[in-house]
Amino acid sequence: MKYTIKQAILNSSQVKEVNSTSTYPDYYNDYLDVLSRPTQALINKARYLYQTVGFIEAENPGDVFHKGNVWDGFEDDIEHTGVSMHSISIGDVLIDESGNAIVVDRRGFTEITFD
């Protein structure tokens, strides 16, 4: 099964702004929230930060997590979209071919809606 990988991404101007200010802009607080405690409500709020970064052919979400962190030996199973993809981490959204979405959280995975 092919999983779509969505990650919260900051663009270069946002990163520059965050690094040059003493107070965090709202988008950065949204970004930090989904990377530290990805609840449905926080993901909905930060939806505008999520981009499709790639696709991973895998048996199940655990296999996606493994391939998305090891990479070596799994190059044929990972397709990048051109947006910089980091290893699979907390806050990342995995969507299967049927449209079922889960988020990587501290304990594993939690089902969510992601439209």
Protein backbone atom coordinates (compact mmCIF):
# COMPACT_ATOMS: atom_id res chain seq x y z
CA MET A 1 0.00 0.00 0.00
CA LYS A 2 1.23 3.50 -0.79
CA TYR A 3 1.03 6.02 2.05
CA THR A 4 1.03 9.77 1.49
CA ILE A 5 3.34 11.57 3.91
CA LYS A 6 2.37 15.05 5.09
CA GLN A 7 4.66 17.10 7.30
CA ALA A 8 4.36 20.54 8.87
CA ILE A 9 6.82 22.71 6.95
CA LEU A 10 8.10 26.23 7.52
CA ASN A 11 9.31 28.09 4.44
CA SER A 12 12.67 29.88 4.39
CA SER A 13 11.19 33.32 5.11
CA GLN A 14 9.31 31.95 8.11
CA VAL A 15 12.49 30.33 9.45
CA LYS A 16 14.37 33.60 8.95
CA GLU A 17 11.66 35.52 10.82
CA VAL A 18 11.63 33.05 13.73
CA ASN A 19 15.42 33.26 14.01
CA SER A 20 15.44 37.07 14.01
CA THR A 21 12.73 37.87 16.54
CA SER A 22 12.41 37.66 20.30
CA THR A 23 8.74 36.62 20.18
CA TYR A 24 7.38 33.70 18.22
CA PRO A 25 4.83 34.37 15.47
CA ASP A 26 1.54 32.46 15.67
CA TYR A 27 2.52 30.09 12.84
CA TYR A 28 5.61 29.00 14.78
CA ASN A 29 3.55 28.31 17.90
CA ASP A 30 1.19 26.21 15.72
CA TYR A 31 4.22 24.39 14.28
CA LEU A 32 5.65 23.63 17.74
CA ASP A 33 2.26 22.44 18.98
CA VAL A 34 1.84 19.79 16.28
CA LEU A 35 5.43 18.60 16.70
CA SER A 36 5.08 18.17 20.44
CA ARG A 37 1.44 17.21 21.06
CA PRO A 38 -0.42 16.48 17.84
CA THR A 39 -4.11 16.40 18.74
CA GLN A 40 -6.90 16.60 16.19
CA ALA A 41 -7.68 20.18 17.24
CA LEU A 42 -4.06 21.33 16.95
CA ILE A 43 -3.63 19.64 13.57
CA ASN A 44 -6.81 21.34 12.33
CA LYS A 45 -5.45 24.68 13.49
CA ALA A 46 -2.06 24.11 11.82
CA ARG A 47 -3.45 22.47 8.66
CA TYR A 48 -2.07 25.34 6.54
CA LEU A 49 1.50 24.28 7.46
CA TYR A 50 1.14 20.71 6.16
CA GLN A 51 2.51 19.77 2.76
CA THR A 52 2.79 16.47 0.93
CA VAL A 53 6.50 15.63 1.10
CA GLY A 54 6.47 12.11 -0.28
CA PHE A 55 4.97 8.67 -0.57
CA ILE A 56 6.11 5.42 1.04
CA GLU A 57 5.16 1.95 -0.12
CA ALA A 58 4.63 -0.08 3.06
CA GLU A 59 2.63 -2.88 4.67
CA ASN A 60 1.33 -0.76 7.58
CA PRO A 61 2.05 2.47 9.51
CA GLY A 62 4.81 0.82 11.54
CA ASP A 63 6.51 -0.15 8.28
CA VAL A 64 6.14 3.46 7.04
CA PHE A 65 7.79 4.67 10.25
CA HIS A 66 10.64 2.20 9.86
CA LYS A 67 11.31 2.93 6.18
CA GLY A 68 10.90 6.66 6.73
CA ASN A 69 13.61 6.64 9.38
CA VAL A 70 16.10 4.10 8.00
CA TRP A 71 15.87 5.05 4.28
CA ASP A 72 19.00 3.04 3.32
CA GLY A 73 17.87 -0.03 1.43
CA PHE A 74 14.35 1.33 0.98
CA GLU A 75 15.02 3.90 -1.74
CA ASP A 76 12.70 2.08 -4.16
CA ASP A 77 9.84 2.35 -1.64
CA ILE A 78 10.22 6.10 -0.98
CA GLU A 79 9.13 8.75 -3.46
CA HIS A 80 9.97 12.39 -2.73
CA THR A 81 7.83 15.25 -4.06
CA GLY A 82 10.56 17.88 -4.13
CA VAL A 83 9.57 19.41 -0.80
CA SER A 84 12.25 18.60 1.76
CA MET A 85 11.17 15.50 3.68
CA HIS A 86 12.63 14.73 7.10
CA SER A 87 12.46 11.39 8.87
CA ILE A 88 9.03 10.29 10.05
CA SER A 89 8.42 12.02 13.38
CA ILE A 90 5.78 13.13 15.87
CA GLY A 91 3.22 15.33 14.14
CA ASP A 92 3.58 13.74 10.71
CA VAL A 93 0.38 12.61 9.03
CA LEU A 94 0.21 9.32 7.11
CA ILE A 95 -2.69 8.77 4.72
CA ASP A 96 -3.39 5.37 3.19
CA GLU A 97 -4.84 4.73 -0.27
CA SER A 98 -8.38 4.67 1.16
CA GLY A 99 -7.97 8.14 2.65
CA ASN A 100 -7.64 6.97 6.25
CA ALA A 101 -5.32 9.31 8.15
CA ILE A 102 -3.22 8.81 11.25
CA VAL A 103 -0.79 11.07 13.04
CA VAL A 104 2.47 9.94 14.58
CA ASP A 105 2.29 10.70 18.29
CA ARG A 106 4.32 9.92 21.40
CA ARG A 107 2.74 6.49 21.84
CA GLY A 108 2.59 5.41 18.21
CA PHE A 109 -0.27 6.45 15.96
CA THR A 110 -3.69 8.03 16.43
CA GLU A 111 -6.48 8.07 13.86
CA ILE A 112 -7.48 11.54 12.74
CA THR A 113 -9.42 13.21 9.97
CA PHE A 114 -7.31 15.15 7.52
CA ASP A 115 -9.13 16.79 4.64
